[in-house]
Amino acid sequence: MFKFGKHPRLQLNGTKEERRANAMAWLRGDYGRAGYTYGVSKLVTGLMVLGGVLYPLTPWGLVICLCVALIAMVGRLLIERQATGDFSDMHEAKRQYESTHRRDYLDFIEARGRQMLDDNKALRPASKAEINELLEWAGKHARRASAAASAASSGAPSSPASSASPERSPRTNRSNRPNRSKKRRGASPRQK
């Protein structure tokens, strides 16, 4: 429980090496949740120090430094939010593939993972490793699906679960139904 006057403290228990490692991690800022992208705290701190140095010379230097720091923080927030959404989408696609075995989910994971690796240069190494794990998983399952499809096309018997089409049949597809929404006299809006 949080109490007044309490703040995160440097952990100083353990052996001398552990205390030294904890102190160095604390100085580097390697504590707490890291996120998917690199932080901008060092850049923002440097800009604030520079603004403090420039303030006696010209107050506009401080304003410019603070604006650049604000832009950096908002930019990092947007990139982190997008990366979090992309990772969430890829993990959901993995979960959906495991339940439905539709190839579209594998294609989505491969496309989104490669796009993130190409476009987002602010990803941490742990995030890149997680993307590579998802890409390997999707590639492995794509090879299995293509092997099963080639075996099915060659006439080999397959299990009923893999032969069932995940797509809707034309009889149940709503776009193939005739339009029967003629307006009736005195009909309620639900009966249209």
N, C-alpha and C. Protein backbone atom coordinates (compact mmCIF):
# COMPACT_ATOMS: atom_id res chain seq x y z
N MET A 1 0.84 -1.17 0.00
CA MET A 1 0.00 0.00 0.00
C MET A 1 0.88 1.24 0.00
N PHE A 2 0.48 2.25 -0.75
CA PHE A 2 1.26 3.47 -0.87
C PHE A 2 1.01 4.36 0.33
N LYS A 3 2.09 4.89 0.92
CA LYS A 3 1.97 5.82 2.03
C LYS A 3 2.71 7.09 1.68
N PHE A 4 2.29 8.19 2.31
CA PHE A 4 2.98 9.45 2.08
C PHE A 4 4.44 9.34 2.51
N GLY A 5 5.29 9.95 1.75
CA GLY A 5 6.71 9.94 2.08
C GLY A 5 7.43 8.71 1.57
N LYS A 6 6.71 7.74 1.06
CA LYS A 6 7.35 6.53 0.55
C LYS A 6 7.56 6.66 -0.96
N HIS A 7 8.68 6.21 -1.42
CA HIS A 7 8.97 6.20 -2.85
C HIS A 7 9.83 4.99 -3.14
N PRO A 8 9.90 4.59 -4.43
CA PRO A 8 10.72 3.41 -4.75
C PRO A 8 12.15 3.63 -4.30
N ARG A 9 12.67 2.68 -3.56
CA ARG A 9 14.03 2.82 -3.04
C ARG A 9 14.97 1.86 -3.73
N LEU A 10 16.21 2.18 -3.62
CA LEU A 10 17.27 1.34 -4.13
C LEU A 10 17.40 0.11 -3.23
N GLN A 11 17.37 -1.07 -3.81
CA GLN A 11 17.49 -2.30 -3.03
C GLN A 11 18.95 -2.48 -2.63
N LEU A 12 19.23 -2.44 -1.32
CA LEU A 12 20.61 -2.53 -0.84
C LEU A 12 20.83 -3.76 0.02
N ASN A 13 20.07 -4.81 -0.17
CA ASN A 13 20.32 -6.04 0.56
C ASN A 13 20.84 -7.09 -0.40
N GLY A 14 21.53 -8.07 0.14
CA GLY A 14 22.15 -9.10 -0.68
C GLY A 14 23.66 -9.00 -0.59
N THR A 15 24.34 -9.73 -1.46
CA THR A 15 25.80 -9.70 -1.44
C THR A 15 26.30 -8.40 -2.04
N LYS A 16 27.59 -8.20 -1.91
CA LYS A 16 28.20 -6.96 -2.41
C LYS A 16 28.03 -6.84 -3.92
N GLU A 17 28.17 -7.95 -4.65
CA GLU A 17 28.01 -7.92 -6.11
C GLU A 17 26.57 -7.62 -6.50
N GLU A 18 25.60 -8.21 -5.76
CA GLU A 18 24.19 -7.94 -6.05
C GLU A 18 23.85 -6.48 -5.79
N ARG A 19 24.38 -5.93 -4.68
CA ARG A 19 24.13 -4.51 -4.39
C ARG A 19 24.73 -3.62 -5.47
N ARG A 20 25.93 -3.96 -5.92
CA ARG A 20 26.57 -3.17 -6.97
C ARG A 20 25.78 -3.26 -8.28
N ALA A 21 25.31 -4.47 -8.63
CA ALA A 21 24.52 -4.64 -9.85
C ALA A 21 23.19 -3.90 -9.75
N ASN A 22 22.54 -3.95 -8.57
CA ASN A 22 21.29 -3.23 -8.37
C ASN A 22 21.50 -1.72 -8.47
N ALA A 23 22.60 -1.23 -7.90
CA ALA A 23 22.88 0.20 -7.96
C ALA A 23 23.14 0.65 -9.39
N MET A 24 23.87 -0.13 -10.16
CA MET A 24 24.14 0.24 -11.55
C MET A 24 22.87 0.18 -12.39
N ALA A 25 22.01 -0.81 -12.16
CA ALA A 25 20.74 -0.88 -12.88
C ALA A 25 19.86 0.31 -12.53
N TRP A 26 19.89 0.71 -11.26
CA TRP A 26 19.09 1.87 -10.84
C TRP A 26 19.61 3.15 -11.49
N LEU A 27 20.94 3.29 -11.58
CA LEU A 27 21.51 4.48 -12.22
C LEU A 27 21.21 4.51 -13.72
N ARG A 28 21.20 3.35 -14.37
CA ARG A 28 20.91 3.29 -15.81
C ARG A 28 19.43 3.47 -16.09
N GLY A 29 18.59 3.30 -15.07
CA GLY A 29 17.15 3.40 -15.26
C GLY A 29 16.53 2.09 -15.68
N ASP A 30 17.18 0.97 -15.39
CA ASP A 30 16.68 -0.35 -15.75
C ASP A 30 15.83 -0.94 -14.63
N TYR A 31 14.81 -0.23 -14.23
CA TYR A 31 13.92 -0.74 -13.21
C TYR A 31 12.49 -0.50 -13.68
N GLY A 32 11.58 -1.33 -13.22
CA GLY A 32 10.19 -1.19 -13.63
C GLY A 32 9.92 -1.88 -14.96
N ARG A 33 8.68 -1.74 -15.43
CA ARG A 33 8.25 -2.34 -16.69
C ARG A 33 8.91 -1.61 -17.85
N ALA A 34 9.45 -2.36 -18.80
CA ALA A 34 10.23 -1.76 -19.87
C ALA A 34 9.36 -1.30 -21.04
N GLY A 35 8.37 -2.05 -21.44
CA GLY A 35 7.59 -1.71 -22.61
C GLY A 35 8.20 -2.34 -23.85
N TYR A 36 7.57 -2.10 -24.99
CA TYR A 36 8.04 -2.69 -26.24
C TYR A 36 9.07 -1.82 -26.95
N THR A 37 9.10 -0.52 -26.66
CA THR A 37 10.01 0.40 -27.36
C THR A 37 10.96 1.05 -26.37
N TYR A 38 12.01 1.65 -26.89
CA TYR A 38 12.96 2.36 -26.05
C TYR A 38 12.30 3.59 -25.45
N GLY A 39 12.74 3.96 -24.24
CA GLY A 39 12.21 5.14 -23.58
C GLY A 39 12.93 6.41 -24.04
N VAL A 40 12.35 7.55 -23.71
CA VAL A 40 12.94 8.83 -24.08
C VAL A 40 13.30 9.64 -22.84
N SER A 41 13.39 8.99 -21.68
CA SER A 41 13.63 9.73 -20.45
C SER A 41 15.00 10.41 -20.45
N LYS A 42 16.02 9.76 -20.99
CA LYS A 42 17.34 10.39 -21.02
C LYS A 42 17.35 11.60 -21.95
N LEU A 43 16.67 11.49 -23.09
CA LEU A 43 16.57 12.62 -24.01
C LEU A 43 15.82 13.78 -23.37
N VAL A 44 14.71 13.48 -22.70
CA VAL A 44 13.92 14.53 -22.06
C VAL A 44 14.72 15.19 -20.93
N THR A 45 15.43 14.39 -20.14
CA THR A 45 16.26 14.95 -19.07
C THR A 45 17.34 15.85 -19.64
N GLY A 46 17.99 15.41 -20.69
CA GLY A 46 19.02 16.23 -21.33
C GLY A 46 18.46 17.53 -21.88
N LEU A 47 17.28 17.46 -22.48
CA LEU A 47 16.65 18.68 -23.01
C LEU A 47 16.27 19.64 -21.89
N MET A 48 15.83 19.13 -20.76
CA MET A 48 15.48 20.01 -19.64
C MET A 48 16.73 20.66 -19.05
N VAL A 49 17.81 19.91 -18.95
CA VAL A 49 19.07 20.50 -18.47
C VAL A 49 19.55 21.56 -19.45
N LEU A 50 19.48 21.27 -20.74
CA LEU A 50 19.87 22.25 -21.75
C LEU A 50 18.99 23.49 -21.68
N GLY A 51 17.69 23.29 -21.47
CA GLY A 51 16.78 24.42 -21.32
C GLY A 51 17.12 25.27 -20.10
N GLY A 52 17.50 24.60 -19.00
CA GLY A 52 17.90 25.34 -17.81
C GLY A 52 19.16 26.14 -18.03
N VAL A 53 20.09 25.60 -18.83
CA VAL A 53 21.33 26.33 -19.13
C VAL A 53 21.03 27.49 -20.07
N LEU A 54 20.13 27.28 -21.02
CA LEU A 54 19.83 28.33 -22.00
C LEU A 54 18.92 29.43 -21.45
N TYR A 55 18.20 29.17 -20.37
CA TYR A 55 17.24 30.16 -19.87
C TYR A 55 17.87 31.51 -19.52
N PRO A 56 19.02 31.55 -18.83
CA PRO A 56 19.61 32.87 -18.56
C PRO A 56 20.03 33.61 -19.83
N LEU A 57 20.39 32.85 -20.86
CA LEU A 57 20.82 33.49 -22.11
C LEU A 57 19.62 33.98 -22.93
N THR A 58 18.68 33.08 -23.13
CA THR A 58 17.47 33.43 -23.88
C THR A 58 16.32 32.54 -23.41
N PRO A 59 15.23 33.15 -22.97
CA PRO A 59 14.10 32.33 -22.51
C PRO A 59 13.49 31.48 -23.63
N TRP A 60 13.67 31.89 -24.87
CA TRP A 60 13.12 31.11 -25.98
C TRP A 60 13.82 29.76 -26.12
N GLY A 61 15.07 29.68 -25.70
CA GLY A 61 15.77 28.39 -25.73
C GLY A 61 15.10 27.38 -24.82
N LEU A 62 14.66 27.84 -23.64
CA LEU A 62 13.94 26.96 -22.73
C LEU A 62 12.62 26.50 -23.34
N VAL A 63 11.89 27.41 -23.95
CA VAL A 63 10.60 27.07 -24.56
C VAL A 63 10.80 26.04 -25.66
N ILE A 64 11.81 26.23 -26.49
CA ILE A 64 12.08 25.29 -27.58
C ILE A 64 12.46 23.92 -27.03
N CYS A 65 13.32 23.89 -26.02
CA CYS A 65 13.72 22.61 -25.43
C CYS A 65 12.53 21.87 -24.82
N LEU A 66 11.67 22.60 -24.13
CA LEU A 66 10.50 21.96 -23.54
C LEU A 66 9.52 21.46 -24.61
N CYS A 67 9.39 22.20 -25.70
CA CYS A 67 8.51 21.75 -26.80
C CYS A 67 9.06 20.48 -27.45
N VAL A 68 10.37 20.44 -27.67
CA VAL A 68 10.97 19.23 -28.26
C VAL A 68 10.82 18.04 -27.31
N ALA A 69 10.99 18.29 -26.00
CA ALA A 69 10.81 17.21 -25.02
C ALA A 69 9.37 16.71 -25.02
N LEU A 70 8.41 17.61 -25.12
CA LEU A 70 7.00 17.22 -25.17
C LEU A 70 6.70 16.42 -26.43
N ILE A 71 7.25 16.85 -27.56
CA ILE A 71 7.06 16.11 -28.81
C ILE A 71 7.66 14.71 -28.70
N ALA A 72 8.83 14.59 -28.08
CA ALA A 72 9.47 13.28 -27.92
C ALA A 72 8.61 12.37 -27.04
N MET A 73 8.05 12.91 -25.96
CA MET A 73 7.23 12.07 -25.07
C MET A 73 5.94 11.64 -25.75
N VAL A 74 5.29 12.54 -26.47
CA VAL A 74 4.05 12.19 -27.16
C VAL A 74 4.34 11.19 -28.28
N GLY A 75 5.44 11.39 -29.01
CA GLY A 75 5.82 10.45 -30.08
C GLY A 75 6.08 9.07 -29.54
N ARG A 76 6.79 8.99 -28.42
CA ARG A 76 7.06 7.68 -27.82
C ARG A 76 5.76 7.03 -27.34
N LEU A 77 4.85 7.83 -26.79
CA LEU A 77 3.56 7.30 -26.35
C LEU A 77 2.79 6.71 -27.52
N LEU A 78 2.76 7.41 -28.65
CA LEU A 78 2.04 6.91 -29.82
C LEU A 78 2.67 5.63 -30.37
N ILE A 79 4.00 5.60 -30.44
CA ILE A 79 4.69 4.41 -30.96
C ILE A 79 4.47 3.23 -30.01
N GLU A 80 4.55 3.47 -28.70
CA GLU A 80 4.35 2.39 -27.73
C GLU A 80 2.92 1.86 -27.80
N ARG A 81 1.95 2.76 -27.95
CA ARG A 81 0.56 2.34 -28.04
C ARG A 81 0.31 1.50 -29.30
N GLN A 82 0.92 1.92 -30.43
CA GLN A 82 0.77 1.15 -31.66
C GLN A 82 1.43 -0.21 -31.54
N ALA A 83 2.62 -0.26 -30.96
CA ALA A 83 3.31 -1.54 -30.79
C ALA A 83 2.53 -2.47 -29.86
N THR A 84 1.95 -1.92 -28.80
CA THR A 84 1.15 -2.74 -27.88
C THR A 84 -0.07 -3.31 -28.61
N GLY A 85 -0.72 -2.49 -29.43
CA GLY A 85 -1.86 -2.98 -30.21
C GLY A 85 -1.47 -4.05 -31.21
N ASP A 86 -0.32 -3.85 -31.88
CA ASP A 86 0.13 -4.84 -32.86
C ASP A 86 0.47 -6.17 -32.19
N PHE A 87 1.15 -6.12 -31.05
CA PHE A 87 1.46 -7.36 -30.33
C PHE A 87 0.18 -8.05 -29.86
N SER A 88 -0.76 -7.27 -29.39
CA SER A 88 -2.04 -7.84 -28.96
C SER A 88 -2.76 -8.50 -30.13
N ASP A 89 -2.76 -7.84 -31.30
CA ASP A 89 -3.40 -8.41 -32.48
C ASP A 89 -2.73 -9.71 -32.91
N MET A 90 -1.39 -9.75 -32.86
CA MET A 90 -0.68 -10.97 -33.28
C MET A 90 -0.94 -12.12 -32.31
N HIS A 91 -0.97 -11.83 -31.02
CA HIS A 91 -1.25 -12.91 -30.05
C HIS A 91 -2.69 -13.39 -30.17
N GLU A 92 -3.61 -12.48 -30.47
CA GLU A 92 -5.01 -12.88 -30.69
C GLU A 92 -5.13 -13.73 -31.96
N ALA A 93 -4.39 -13.36 -33.01
CA ALA A 93 -4.40 -14.16 -34.24
C ALA A 93 -3.84 -15.56 -33.98
N LYS A 94 -2.84 -15.66 -33.14
CA LYS A 94 -2.28 -16.97 -32.79
C LYS A 94 -3.32 -17.80 -32.06
N ARG A 95 -4.01 -17.17 -31.11
CA ARG A 95 -5.05 -17.89 -30.37
C ARG A 95 -6.20 -18.31 -31.28
N GLN A 96 -6.59 -17.44 -32.21
CA GLN A 96 -7.66 -17.78 -33.14
C GLN A 96 -7.24 -18.89 -34.09
N TYR A 97 -5.98 -18.88 -34.52
CA TYR A 97 -5.52 -19.95 -35.42
C TYR A 97 -5.57 -21.29 -34.69
N GLU A 98 -5.18 -21.30 -33.43
CA GLU A 98 -5.19 -22.56 -32.68
C GLU A 98 -6.60 -23.11 -32.52
N SER A 99 -7.61 -22.25 -32.55
CA SER A 99 -8.98 -22.75 -32.41
C SER A 99 -9.66 -23.02 -33.75
N THR A 100 -9.29 -22.30 -34.83
CA THR A 100 -10.00 -22.47 -36.10
C THR A 100 -9.13 -23.07 -37.21
N HIS A 101 -7.83 -22.97 -37.12
CA HIS A 101 -6.89 -23.45 -38.14
C HIS A 101 -7.11 -22.80 -39.50
N ARG A 102 -7.43 -21.51 -39.48
CA ARG A 102 -7.56 -20.76 -40.75
C ARG A 102 -6.21 -20.16 -41.11
N ARG A 103 -5.84 -20.30 -42.35
CA ARG A 103 -4.54 -19.84 -42.85
C ARG A 103 -4.41 -18.31 -42.80
N ASP A 104 -5.53 -17.60 -42.81
CA ASP A 104 -5.51 -16.13 -42.80
C ASP A 104 -4.80 -15.60 -41.56
N TYR A 105 -4.95 -16.27 -40.44
CA TYR A 105 -4.31 -15.81 -39.21
C TYR A 105 -2.79 -15.93 -39.30
N LEU A 106 -2.31 -16.98 -39.92
CA LEU A 106 -0.87 -17.14 -40.10
C LEU A 106 -0.31 -16.06 -41.02
N ASP A 107 -1.05 -15.78 -42.10
CA ASP A 107 -0.63 -14.73 -43.02
C ASP A 107 -0.60 -13.37 -42.32
N PHE A 108 -1.59 -13.12 -41.46
CA PHE A 108 -1.62 -11.86 -40.72
C PHE A 108 -0.41 -11.73 -39.81
N ILE A 109 -0.08 -12.80 -39.08
CA ILE A 109 1.06 -12.75 -38.16
C ILE A 109 2.35 -12.49 -38.94
N GLU A 110 2.51 -13.17 -40.08
CA GLU A 110 3.73 -12.97 -40.87
C GLU A 110 3.80 -11.56 -41.42
N ALA A 111 2.71 -11.05 -41.96
CA ALA A 111 2.72 -9.70 -42.54
C ALA A 111 2.95 -8.64 -41.48
N ARG A 112 2.24 -8.72 -40.36
CA ARG A 112 2.37 -7.70 -39.32
C ARG A 112 3.75 -7.76 -38.65
N GLY A 113 4.25 -8.96 -38.42
CA GLY A 113 5.57 -9.10 -37.80
C GLY A 113 6.67 -8.54 -38.67
N ARG A 114 6.63 -8.86 -39.96
CA ARG A 114 7.66 -8.32 -40.87
C ARG A 114 7.53 -6.80 -41.01
N GLN A 115 6.31 -6.30 -41.04
CA GLN A 115 6.12 -4.85 -41.12
C GLN A 115 6.66 -4.16 -39.88
N MET A 116 6.43 -4.74 -38.70
CA MET A 116 6.95 -4.13 -37.48
C MET A 116 8.47 -4.13 -37.45
N LEU A 117 9.07 -5.23 -37.89
CA LEU A 117 10.54 -5.29 -37.90
C LEU A 117 11.13 -4.29 -38.90
N ASP A 118 10.45 -4.07 -40.02
CA ASP A 118 10.96 -3.15 -41.03
C ASP A 118 10.72 -1.68 -40.66
N ASP A 119 9.54 -1.38 -40.12
CA ASP A 119 9.15 0.02 -39.93
C ASP A 119 9.53 0.59 -38.57
N ASN A 120 9.44 -0.18 -37.51
CA ASN A 120 9.60 0.35 -36.17
C ASN A 120 11.04 0.14 -35.70
N LYS A 121 11.84 1.19 -35.76
CA LYS A 121 13.25 1.09 -35.36
C LYS A 121 13.43 1.30 -33.86
N ALA A 122 12.37 1.64 -33.13
CA ALA A 122 12.47 1.90 -31.70
C ALA A 122 12.16 0.67 -30.86
N LEU A 123 12.01 -0.51 -31.47
CA LEU A 123 11.70 -1.72 -30.71
C LEU A 123 12.91 -2.18 -29.90
N ARG A 124 12.66 -2.62 -28.69
CA ARG A 124 13.72 -3.17 -27.85
C ARG A 124 14.11 -4.56 -28.39
N PRO A 125 15.30 -5.03 -28.04
CA PRO A 125 15.71 -6.37 -28.49
C PRO A 125 14.77 -7.48 -28.02
N ALA A 126 14.21 -7.35 -26.83
CA ALA A 126 13.27 -8.38 -26.35
C ALA A 126 12.01 -8.39 -27.21
N SER A 127 11.58 -7.22 -27.66
CA SER A 127 10.39 -7.15 -28.53
C SER A 127 10.68 -7.77 -29.89
N LYS A 128 11.87 -7.51 -30.42
CA LYS A 128 12.25 -8.11 -31.70
C LYS A 128 12.34 -9.62 -31.58
N ALA A 129 12.86 -10.11 -30.44
CA ALA A 129 12.93 -11.56 -30.24
C ALA A 129 11.54 -12.17 -30.16
N GLU A 130 10.59 -11.46 -29.52
CA GLU A 130 9.22 -11.96 -29.44
C GLU A 130 8.57 -12.01 -30.82
N ILE A 131 8.83 -11.01 -31.65
CA ILE A 131 8.31 -11.02 -33.02
C ILE A 131 8.90 -12.18 -33.80
N ASN A 132 10.21 -12.40 -33.65
CA ASN A 132 10.85 -13.52 -34.36
C ASN A 132 10.29 -14.86 -33.91
N GLU A 133 9.97 -15.00 -32.62
CA GLU A 133 9.34 -16.24 -32.14
C GLU A 133 7.97 -16.44 -32.78
N LEU A 134 7.19 -15.37 -32.87
CA LEU A 134 5.87 -15.47 -33.51
C LEU A 134 6.01 -15.80 -34.99
N LEU A 135 7.01 -15.21 -35.66
CA LEU A 135 7.22 -15.51 -37.08
C LEU A 135 7.63 -16.96 -37.28
N GLU A 136 8.49 -17.48 -36.40
CA GLU A 136 8.89 -18.88 -36.50
C GLU A 136 7.69 -19.80 -36.27
N TRP A 137 6.87 -19.46 -35.28
CA TRP A 137 5.68 -20.26 -35.01
C TRP A 137 4.74 -20.26 -36.20
N ALA A 138 4.51 -19.09 -36.78
CA ALA A 138 3.61 -18.98 -37.93
C ALA A 138 4.19 -19.73 -39.14
N GLY A 139 5.49 -19.63 -39.35
CA GLY A 139 6.13 -20.35 -40.47
C GLY A 139 6.02 -21.85 -40.30
N LYS A 140 6.22 -22.33 -39.08
CA LYS A 140 6.12 -23.77 -38.82
C LYS A 140 4.70 -24.27 -39.09
N HIS A 141 3.71 -23.53 -38.63
CA HIS A 141 2.33 -23.95 -38.84
C HIS A 141 1.89 -23.76 -40.30
N ALA A 142 2.46 -22.79 -40.99
CA ALA A 142 2.14 -22.61 -42.41
C ALA A 142 2.69 -23.78 -43.22
N ARG A 143 3.89 -24.25 -42.87
CA ARG A 143 4.45 -25.41 -43.57
C ARG A 143 3.60 -26.65 -43.32
N ARG A 144 3.12 -26.82 -42.08
CA ARG A 144 2.25 -27.95 -41.77
C ARG A 144 0.94 -27.86 -42.55
N ALA A 145 0.37 -26.66 -42.63
CA ALA A 145 -0.90 -26.49 -43.34
C ALA A 145 -0.72 -26.74 -44.83
N SER A 146 0.38 -26.28 -45.41
CA SER A 146 0.59 -26.52 -46.84
C SER A 146 0.87 -28.00 -47.11
N ALA A 147 1.55 -28.70 -46.19
CA ALA A 147 1.78 -30.13 -46.35
C ALA A 147 0.46 -30.89 -46.25
N ALA A 148 -0.41 -30.46 -45.34
CA ALA A 148 -1.71 -31.12 -45.21
C ALA A 148 -2.58 -30.86 -46.43
N ALA A 149 -2.48 -29.65 -46.99
CA ALA A 149 -3.27 -29.32 -48.18
C ALA A 149 -2.77 -30.10 -49.39
N SER A 150 -1.46 -30.27 -49.52
CA SER A 150 -0.94 -31.03 -50.66
C SER A 150 -1.27 -32.51 -50.50
N ALA A 151 -1.29 -33.01 -49.26
CA ALA A 151 -1.67 -34.41 -49.03
C ALA A 151 -3.15 -34.61 -49.34
N ALA A 152 -3.98 -33.63 -49.01
CA ALA A 152 -5.41 -33.74 -49.29
C ALA A 152 -5.68 -33.66 -50.78
N SER A 153 -4.93 -32.85 -51.50
CA SER A 153 -5.15 -32.74 -52.94
C SER A 153 -4.63 -33.96 -53.70
N SER A 154 -3.69 -34.70 -53.11
CA SER A 154 -3.17 -35.89 -53.78
C SER A 154 -4.06 -37.11 -53.55
N GLY A 155 -5.11 -36.93 -52.74
CA GLY A 155 -6.05 -38.04 -52.55
C GLY A 155 -5.84 -38.80 -51.27
N ALA A 156 -4.93 -38.38 -50.42
CA ALA A 156 -4.72 -39.06 -49.16
C ALA A 156 -5.88 -38.73 -48.23
N PRO A 157 -6.32 -39.70 -47.45
CA PRO A 157 -7.42 -39.42 -46.53
C PRO A 157 -6.96 -38.45 -45.44
N SER A 158 -7.87 -37.57 -45.07
CA SER A 158 -7.54 -36.59 -44.03
C SER A 158 -8.61 -36.64 -42.96
N SER A 159 -8.33 -36.02 -41.85
CA SER A 159 -9.28 -36.03 -40.75
C SER A 159 -10.46 -35.12 -41.09
N PRO A 160 -11.64 -35.39 -40.54
CA PRO A 160 -12.80 -34.56 -40.85
C PRO A 160 -12.63 -33.12 -40.39
N ALA A 161 -11.90 -32.91 -39.31
CA ALA A 161 -11.73 -31.54 -38.82
C ALA A 161 -10.92 -30.70 -39.80
N SER A 162 -9.92 -31.30 -40.44
CA SER A 162 -9.10 -30.51 -41.37
C SER A 162 -9.77 -30.37 -42.73
N SER A 163 -10.74 -31.25 -43.05
CA SER A 163 -11.37 -31.15 -44.36
C SER A 163 -12.57 -30.20 -44.34
N ALA A 164 -13.05 -29.85 -43.15
CA ALA A 164 -14.19 -28.94 -43.07
C ALA A 164 -13.75 -27.55 -43.48
N SER A 165 -14.54 -26.94 -44.32
CA SER A 165 -14.19 -25.62 -44.81
C SER A 165 -14.51 -24.57 -43.76
N PRO A 166 -13.55 -23.69 -43.45
CA PRO A 166 -13.84 -22.67 -42.45
C PRO A 166 -14.69 -21.54 -43.02
N GLU A 167 -14.82 -21.47 -44.33
CA GLU A 167 -15.63 -20.43 -44.95
C GLU A 167 -17.10 -20.82 -44.87
N ARG A 168 -17.98 -19.83 -44.96
CA ARG A 168 -19.42 -20.10 -44.96
C ARG A 168 -19.85 -20.66 -46.30
N SER A 169 -20.82 -21.53 -46.23
CA SER A 169 -21.35 -22.07 -47.48
C SER A 169 -22.24 -21.02 -48.13
N PRO A 170 -22.46 -21.08 -49.45
CA PRO A 170 -23.29 -20.07 -50.12
C PRO A 170 -24.71 -20.00 -49.58
N ARG A 171 -25.23 -21.09 -49.02
CA ARG A 171 -26.60 -21.07 -48.52
C ARG A 171 -26.72 -20.21 -47.26
N THR A 172 -25.66 -20.16 -46.44
CA THR A 172 -25.75 -19.40 -45.19
C THR A 172 -25.10 -18.03 -45.29
N ASN A 173 -24.49 -17.73 -46.39
CA ASN A 173 -23.85 -16.43 -46.55
C ASN A 173 -24.92 -15.37 -46.77
N ARG A 174 -24.94 -14.35 -45.97
CA ARG A 174 -25.99 -13.34 -46.04
C ARG A 174 -25.94 -12.55 -47.33
N SER A 175 -24.77 -12.39 -47.93
CA SER A 175 -24.67 -11.58 -49.15
C SER A 175 -25.34 -12.28 -50.34
N ASN A 176 -25.55 -13.60 -50.28
CA ASN A 176 -26.17 -14.32 -51.39
C ASN A 176 -27.68 -14.44 -51.23
N ARG A 177 -28.23 -13.96 -50.12
CA ARG A 177 -29.67 -14.05 -49.92
C ARG A 177 -30.38 -12.95 -50.70
N PRO A 178 -31.56 -13.23 -51.19
CA PRO A 178 -32.32 -12.17 -51.86
C PRO A 178 -32.79 -11.14 -50.84
N ASN A 179 -32.96 -9.93 -51.31
CA ASN A 179 -33.37 -8.83 -50.45
C ASN A 179 -34.88 -8.95 -50.21
N ARG A 180 -35.27 -9.26 -48.99
CA ARG A 180 -36.68 -9.46 -48.65
C ARG A 180 -37.16 -8.38 -47.68
N SER A 181 -36.56 -7.25 -47.72
CA SER A 181 -36.90 -6.20 -46.75
C SER A 181 -37.90 -5.22 -47.34
N LYS A 182 -39.00 -5.74 -47.90
CA LYS A 182 -40.05 -4.87 -48.43
C LYS A 182 -40.81 -4.27 -47.27
N LYS A 183 -41.14 -3.03 -47.42
CA LYS A 183 -41.83 -2.33 -46.36
C LYS A 183 -43.29 -2.80 -46.31
N ARG A 184 -43.72 -3.22 -45.13
CA ARG A 184 -45.09 -3.66 -44.95
C ARG A 184 -45.87 -2.57 -44.23
N ARG A 185 -47.13 -2.52 -44.55
CA ARG A 185 -47.99 -1.53 -43.91
C ARG A 185 -48.21 -1.92 -42.45
N GLY A 186 -47.92 -0.97 -41.54
CA GLY A 186 -48.17 -1.19 -40.14
C GLY A 186 -47.15 -2.09 -39.47
N ALA A 187 -46.06 -2.40 -40.13
CA ALA A 187 -45.06 -3.29 -39.54
C ALA A 187 -44.17 -2.50 -38.59
N SER A 188 -43.77 -3.14 -37.54
CA SER A 188 -42.84 -2.49 -36.60
C SER A 188 -41.45 -2.44 -37.23
N PRO A 189 -40.58 -1.59 -36.73
CA PRO A 189 -39.24 -1.50 -37.32
C PRO A 189 -38.48 -2.82 -37.27
N ARG A 190 -38.76 -3.67 -36.31
CA ARG A 190 -38.07 -4.96 -36.22
C ARG A 190 -38.52 -5.93 -37.28
N GLN A 191 -39.72 -5.77 -37.82
CA GLN A 191 -40.27 -6.72 -38.79
C GLN A 191 -39.98 -6.30 -40.21
N LYS A 192 -39.19 -5.28 -40.43
CA LYS A 192 -38.88 -4.84 -41.80
C LYS A 192 -37.93 -5.78 -42.46
